[in-house]
């Protein structure tokens, strides 16, 4: 598990289990309005370095 890097922009609803991507911080699930939590993983160095080439 990496501790630093670009966070993966995927969110999980704690209510209905819906998974979705968002460019902005999600505040609620678009399906049920429930609480969401962002994926704790980050992209590795090789992936993020390719963003700048």
PDB file of N, CA and C in Angstrom:
ATOM      1  N   UNK A   1       0.848  -1.189   0.000  1.00  0.00           N
ATOM      2  CA  UNK A   1       0.000   0.000   0.000  1.00  0.00           C
ATOM      3  C   UNK A   1       0.883   1.238   0.000  1.00  0.00           C
ATOM      4  N   UNK A   2       0.664   2.121  -0.959  1.00  0.00           N
ATOM      5  CA  UNK A   2       1.397   3.391  -0.999  1.00  0.00           C
ATOM      6  C   UNK A   2       0.696   4.409  -0.115  1.00  0.00           C
ATOM      7  N   UNK A   3       1.469   5.298   0.481  1.00  0.00           N
ATOM      8  CA  UNK A   3       0.916   6.289   1.404  1.00  0.00           C
ATOM      9  C   UNK A   3       0.802   7.671   0.782  1.00  0.00           C
ATOM     10  N   UNK A   4       1.452   7.906  -0.368  1.00  0.00           N
ATOM     11  CA  UNK A   4       1.393   9.214  -1.004  1.00  0.00           C
ATOM     12  C   UNK A   4       1.193   9.019  -2.504  1.00  0.00           C
ATOM     13  N   UNK A   5       0.710  10.054  -3.144  1.00  0.00           N
ATOM     14  CA  UNK A   5       0.484   9.985  -4.581  1.00  0.00           C
ATOM     15  C   UNK A   5      -0.859  10.593  -4.943  1.00  0.00           C
ATOM     16  N   UNK A   6      -1.223  10.467  -6.212  1.00  0.00           N
ATOM     17  CA  UNK A   6      -2.508  10.980  -6.689  1.00  0.00           C
ATOM     18  C   UNK A   6      -3.606  10.016  -6.250  1.00  0.00           C
ATOM     19  N   UNK A   7      -4.590  10.531  -5.546  1.00  0.00           N
ATOM     20  CA  UNK A   7      -5.682   9.664  -5.076  1.00  0.00           C
ATOM     21  C   UNK A   7      -6.564   9.231  -6.238  1.00  0.00           C
ATOM     22  N   UNK A   8      -7.043   8.029  -6.170  1.00  0.00           N
ATOM     23  CA  UNK A   8      -7.930   7.498  -7.198  1.00  0.00           C
ATOM     24  C   UNK A   8      -9.303   8.156  -7.014  1.00  0.00           C
ATOM     25  N   UNK A   9      -9.848   8.769  -8.073  1.00  0.00           N
ATOM     26  CA  UNK A   9     -11.115   9.511  -7.939  1.00  0.00           C
ATOM     27  C   UNK A   9     -12.359   8.624  -7.990  1.00  0.00           C
ATOM     28  N   UNK A  10     -12.386   7.604  -7.159  1.00  0.00           N
ATOM     29  CA  UNK A  10     -13.521   6.685  -7.093  1.00  0.00           C
ATOM     30  C   UNK A  10     -14.110   6.746  -5.693  1.00  0.00           C
ATOM     31  N   UNK A  11     -15.422   6.769  -5.641  1.00  0.00           N
ATOM     32  CA  UNK A  11     -16.144   6.880  -4.375  1.00  0.00           C
ATOM     33  C   UNK A  11     -17.067   5.688  -4.209  1.00  0.00           C
ATOM     34  N   UNK A  12     -17.274   5.261  -2.965  1.00  0.00           N
ATOM     35  CA  UNK A  12     -18.147   4.138  -2.633  1.00  0.00           C
ATOM     36  C   UNK A  12     -19.236   4.625  -1.684  1.00  0.00           C
ATOM     37  N   UNK A  13     -20.482   4.271  -1.992  1.00  0.00           N
ATOM     38  CA  UNK A  13     -21.593   4.626  -1.115  1.00  0.00           C
ATOM     39  C   UNK A  13     -21.655   3.616   0.023  1.00  0.00           C
ATOM     40  N   UNK A  14     -21.734   4.116   1.239  1.00  0.00           N
ATOM     41  CA  UNK A  14     -21.820   3.231   2.398  1.00  0.00           C
ATOM     42  C   UNK A  14     -23.240   2.708   2.601  1.00  0.00           C
ATOM     43  N   UNK A  15     -24.205   3.322   1.922  1.00  0.00           N
ATOM     44  CA  UNK A  15     -25.593   2.896   2.055  1.00  0.00           C
ATOM     45  C   UNK A  15     -25.988   1.812   1.066  1.00  0.00           C
ATOM     46  N   UNK A  16     -25.854   2.116  -0.234  1.00  0.00           N
ATOM     47  CA  UNK A  16     -26.330   1.179  -1.256  1.00  0.00           C
ATOM     48  C   UNK A  16     -25.209   0.427  -1.974  1.00  0.00           C
ATOM     49  N   UNK A  17     -23.940   0.786  -1.713  1.00  0.00           N
ATOM     50  CA  UNK A  17     -22.827   0.091  -2.345  1.00  0.00           C
ATOM     51  C   UNK A  17     -22.478   0.587  -3.739  1.00  0.00           C
ATOM     52  N   UNK A  18     -23.161   1.637  -4.208  1.00  0.00           N
ATOM     53  CA  UNK A  18     -22.891   2.188  -5.540  1.00  0.00           C
ATOM     54  C   UNK A  18     -21.460   2.716  -5.604  1.00  0.00           C
ATOM     55  N   UNK A  19     -20.760   2.442  -6.715  1.00  0.00           N
ATOM     56  CA  UNK A  19     -19.396   2.904  -6.925  1.00  0.00           C
ATOM     57  C   UNK A  19     -19.409   3.856  -8.118  1.00  0.00           C
ATOM     58  N   UNK A  20     -18.754   5.013  -7.983  1.00  0.00           N
ATOM     59  CA  UNK A  20     -18.755   5.980  -9.075  1.00  0.00           C
ATOM     60  C   UNK A  20     -17.490   6.822  -9.050  1.00  0.00           C
ATOM     61  N   UNK A  21     -17.152   7.399 -10.197  1.00  0.00           N
ATOM     62  CA  UNK A  21     -15.998   8.288 -10.326  1.00  0.00           C
ATOM     63  C   UNK A  21     -16.492   9.724 -10.347  1.00  0.00           C
ATOM     64  N   UNK A  22     -15.666  10.614  -9.804  1.00  0.00           N
ATOM     65  CA  UNK A  22     -16.036  12.023  -9.772  1.00  0.00           C
ATOM     66  C   UNK A  22     -14.781  12.878  -9.836  1.00  0.00           C
ATOM     67  N   UNK A  23     -14.826  13.958 -10.613  1.00  0.00           N
ATOM     68  CA  UNK A  23     -13.686  14.878 -10.692  1.00  0.00           C
ATOM     69  C   UNK A  23     -13.587  15.768  -9.466  1.00  0.00           C
ATOM     70  N   UNK A  24     -14.689  15.916  -8.760  1.00  0.00           N
ATOM     71  CA  UNK A  24     -14.727  16.758  -7.564  1.00  0.00           C
ATOM     72  C   UNK A  24     -15.042  15.894  -6.349  1.00  0.00           C
ATOM     73  N   UNK A  25     -14.757  16.407  -5.169  1.00  0.00           N
ATOM     74  CA  UNK A  25     -15.071  15.670  -3.946  1.00  0.00           C
ATOM     75  C   UNK A  25     -16.573  15.428  -3.868  1.00  0.00           C
ATOM     76  N   UNK A  26     -16.940  14.174  -3.766  1.00  0.00           N
ATOM     77  CA  UNK A  26     -18.357  13.813  -3.680  1.00  0.00           C
ATOM     78  C   UNK A  26     -18.839  13.974  -2.244  1.00  0.00           C
ATOM     79  N   UNK A  27     -20.017  14.514  -2.091  1.00  0.00           N
ATOM     80  CA  UNK A  27     -20.588  14.720  -0.756  1.00  0.00           C
ATOM     81  C   UNK A  27     -21.672  13.686  -0.434  1.00  0.00           C
ATOM     82  N   UNK A  28     -22.315  13.177  -1.471  1.00  0.00           N
ATOM     83  CA  UNK A  28     -23.389  12.199  -1.274  1.00  0.00           C
ATOM     84  C   UNK A  28     -23.489  11.298  -2.503  1.00  0.00           C
ATOM     85  N   UNK A  29     -24.082  10.152  -2.311  1.00  0.00           N
ATOM     86  CA  UNK A  29     -24.281   9.196  -3.396  1.00  0.00           C
ATOM     87  C   UNK A  29     -25.297   9.754  -4.393  1.00  0.00           C
ATOM     88  N   UNK A  30     -24.983   9.719  -5.703  1.00  0.00           N
ATOM     89  CA  UNK A  30     -25.938  10.217  -6.694  1.00  0.00           C
ATOM     90  C   UNK A  30     -27.179   9.326  -6.836  1.00  0.00           C
ATOM     91  N   UNK A  31     -27.111   8.085  -6.367  1.00  0.00           N
ATOM     92  CA  UNK A  31     -28.253   7.171  -6.464  1.00  0.00           C
ATOM     93  C   UNK A  31     -29.208   7.293  -5.286  1.00  0.00           C
ATOM     94  N   UNK A  32     -28.639   7.248  -4.055  1.00  0.00           N
ATOM     95  CA  UNK A  32     -29.515   7.197  -2.882  1.00  0.00           C
ATOM     96  C   UNK A  32     -29.324   8.365  -1.915  1.00  0.00           C
ATOM     97  N   UNK A  33     -28.317   9.208  -2.157  1.00  0.00           N
ATOM     98  CA  UNK A  33     -28.066  10.338  -1.267  1.00  0.00           C
ATOM     99  C   UNK A  33     -27.323   9.966   0.006  1.00  0.00           C
ATOM    100  N   UNK A  34     -26.848   8.718   0.087  1.00  0.00           N
ATOM    101  CA  UNK A  34     -26.148   8.239   1.278  1.00  0.00           C
ATOM    102  C   UNK A  34     -24.723   8.756   1.391  1.00  0.00           C
ATOM    103  N   UNK A  35     -24.106   8.429   2.521  1.00  0.00           N
ATOM    104  CA  UNK A  35     -22.725   8.824   2.780  1.00  0.00           C
ATOM    105  C   UNK A  35     -21.770   8.095   1.852  1.00  0.00           C
ATOM    106  N   UNK A  36     -20.733   8.798   1.377  1.00  0.00           N
ATOM    107  CA  UNK A  36     -19.748   8.189   0.497  1.00  0.00           C
ATOM    108  C   UNK A  36     -18.358   8.280   1.111  1.00  0.00           C
ATOM    109  N   UNK A  37     -17.498   7.373   0.671  1.00  0.00           N
ATOM    110  CA  UNK A  37     -16.117   7.345   1.127  1.00  0.00           C
ATOM    111  C   UNK A  37     -15.224   7.160  -0.091  1.00  0.00           C
ATOM    112  N   UNK A  38     -14.145   7.950  -0.173  1.00  0.00           N
ATOM    113  CA  UNK A  38     -13.241   7.851  -1.312  1.00  0.00           C
ATOM    114  C   UNK A  38     -12.337   6.634  -1.168  1.00  0.00           C
ATOM    115  N   UNK A  39     -11.999   6.037  -2.305  1.00  0.00           N
ATOM    116  CA  UNK A  39     -11.079   4.905  -2.321  1.00  0.00           C
ATOM    117  C   UNK A  39      -9.770   5.334  -1.655  1.00  0.00           C
ATOM    118  N   UNK A  40      -9.242   4.545  -0.718  1.00  0.00           N
ATOM    119  CA  UNK A  40      -8.033   4.946  -0.003  1.00  0.00           C
ATOM    120  C   UNK A  40      -6.746   4.763  -0.802  1.00  0.00           C
ATOM    121  N   UNK A  41      -6.802   4.066  -1.931  1.00  0.00           N
ATOM    122  CA  UNK A  41      -5.592   3.808  -2.713  1.00  0.00           C
ATOM    123  C   UNK A  41      -5.141   5.028  -3.503  1.00  0.00           C
ATOM    124  N   UNK A  42      -3.853   5.016  -3.864  1.00  0.00           N
ATOM    125  CA  UNK A  42      -3.279   6.072  -4.698  1.00  0.00           C
ATOM    126  C   UNK A  42      -2.648   5.430  -5.930  1.00  0.00           C
ATOM    127  N   UNK A  43      -2.492   6.228  -6.985  1.00  0.00           N
ATOM    128  CA  UNK A  43      -1.835   5.748  -8.197  1.00  0.00           C
ATOM    129  C   UNK A  43      -0.331   5.717  -7.953  1.00  0.00           C
ATOM    130  N   UNK A  44       0.362   4.753  -8.539  1.00  0.00           N
ATOM    131  CA  UNK A  44       1.799   4.662  -8.296  1.00  0.00           C
ATOM    132  C   UNK A  44       2.580   5.699  -9.104  1.00  0.00           C
ATOM    133  N   UNK A  45       3.856   5.825  -8.786  1.00  0.00           N
ATOM    134  CA  UNK A  45       4.720   6.836  -9.392  1.00  0.00           C
ATOM    135  C   UNK A  45       4.793   6.698 -10.902  1.00  0.00           C
ATOM    136  N   UNK A  46       4.861   5.477 -11.401  1.00  0.00           N
ATOM    137  CA  UNK A  46       4.994   5.279 -12.842  1.00  0.00           C
ATOM    138  C   UNK A  46       3.750   5.746 -13.588  1.00  0.00           C
ATOM    139  N   UNK A  47       2.587   5.549 -13.013  1.00  0.00           N
ATOM    140  CA  UNK A  47       1.365   6.021 -13.652  1.00  0.00           C
ATOM    141  C   UNK A  47       1.328   7.540 -13.667  1.00  0.00           C
ATOM    142  N   UNK A  48       1.586   8.166 -12.520  1.00  0.00           N
ATOM    143  CA  UNK A  48       1.493   9.627 -12.451  1.00  0.00           C
ATOM    144  C   UNK A  48       2.593  10.302 -13.263  1.00  0.00           C
ATOM    145  N   UNK A  49       3.766   9.680 -13.401  1.00  0.00           N
ATOM    146  CA  UNK A  49       4.822  10.287 -14.221  1.00  0.00           C
ATOM    147  C   UNK A  49       4.430  10.275 -15.694  1.00  0.00           C
ATOM    148  N   UNK A  50       3.619   9.317 -16.116  1.00  0.00           N
ATOM    149  CA  UNK A  50       3.159   9.259 -17.503  1.00  0.00           C
ATOM    150  C   UNK A  50       2.177  10.385 -17.820  1.00  0.00           C
ATOM    151  N   UNK A  51       1.564  10.979 -16.791  1.00  0.00           N
ATOM    152  CA  UNK A  51       0.638  12.083 -17.015  1.00  0.00           C
ATOM    153  C   UNK A  51       1.341  13.310 -17.571  1.00  0.00           C
ATOM    154  N   UNK A  52       2.641  13.441 -17.320  1.00  0.00           N
ATOM    155  CA  UNK A  52       3.393  14.644 -17.697  1.00  0.00           C
ATOM    156  C   UNK A  52       4.245  14.435 -18.937  1.00  0.00           C
ATOM    157  N   UNK A  53       4.159  13.273 -19.586  1.00  0.00           N
ATOM    158  CA  UNK A  53       4.974  13.051 -20.784  1.00  0.00           C
ATOM    159  C   UNK A  53       4.188  13.332 -22.038  1.00  0.00           C
TER     160      UNK A  53
END
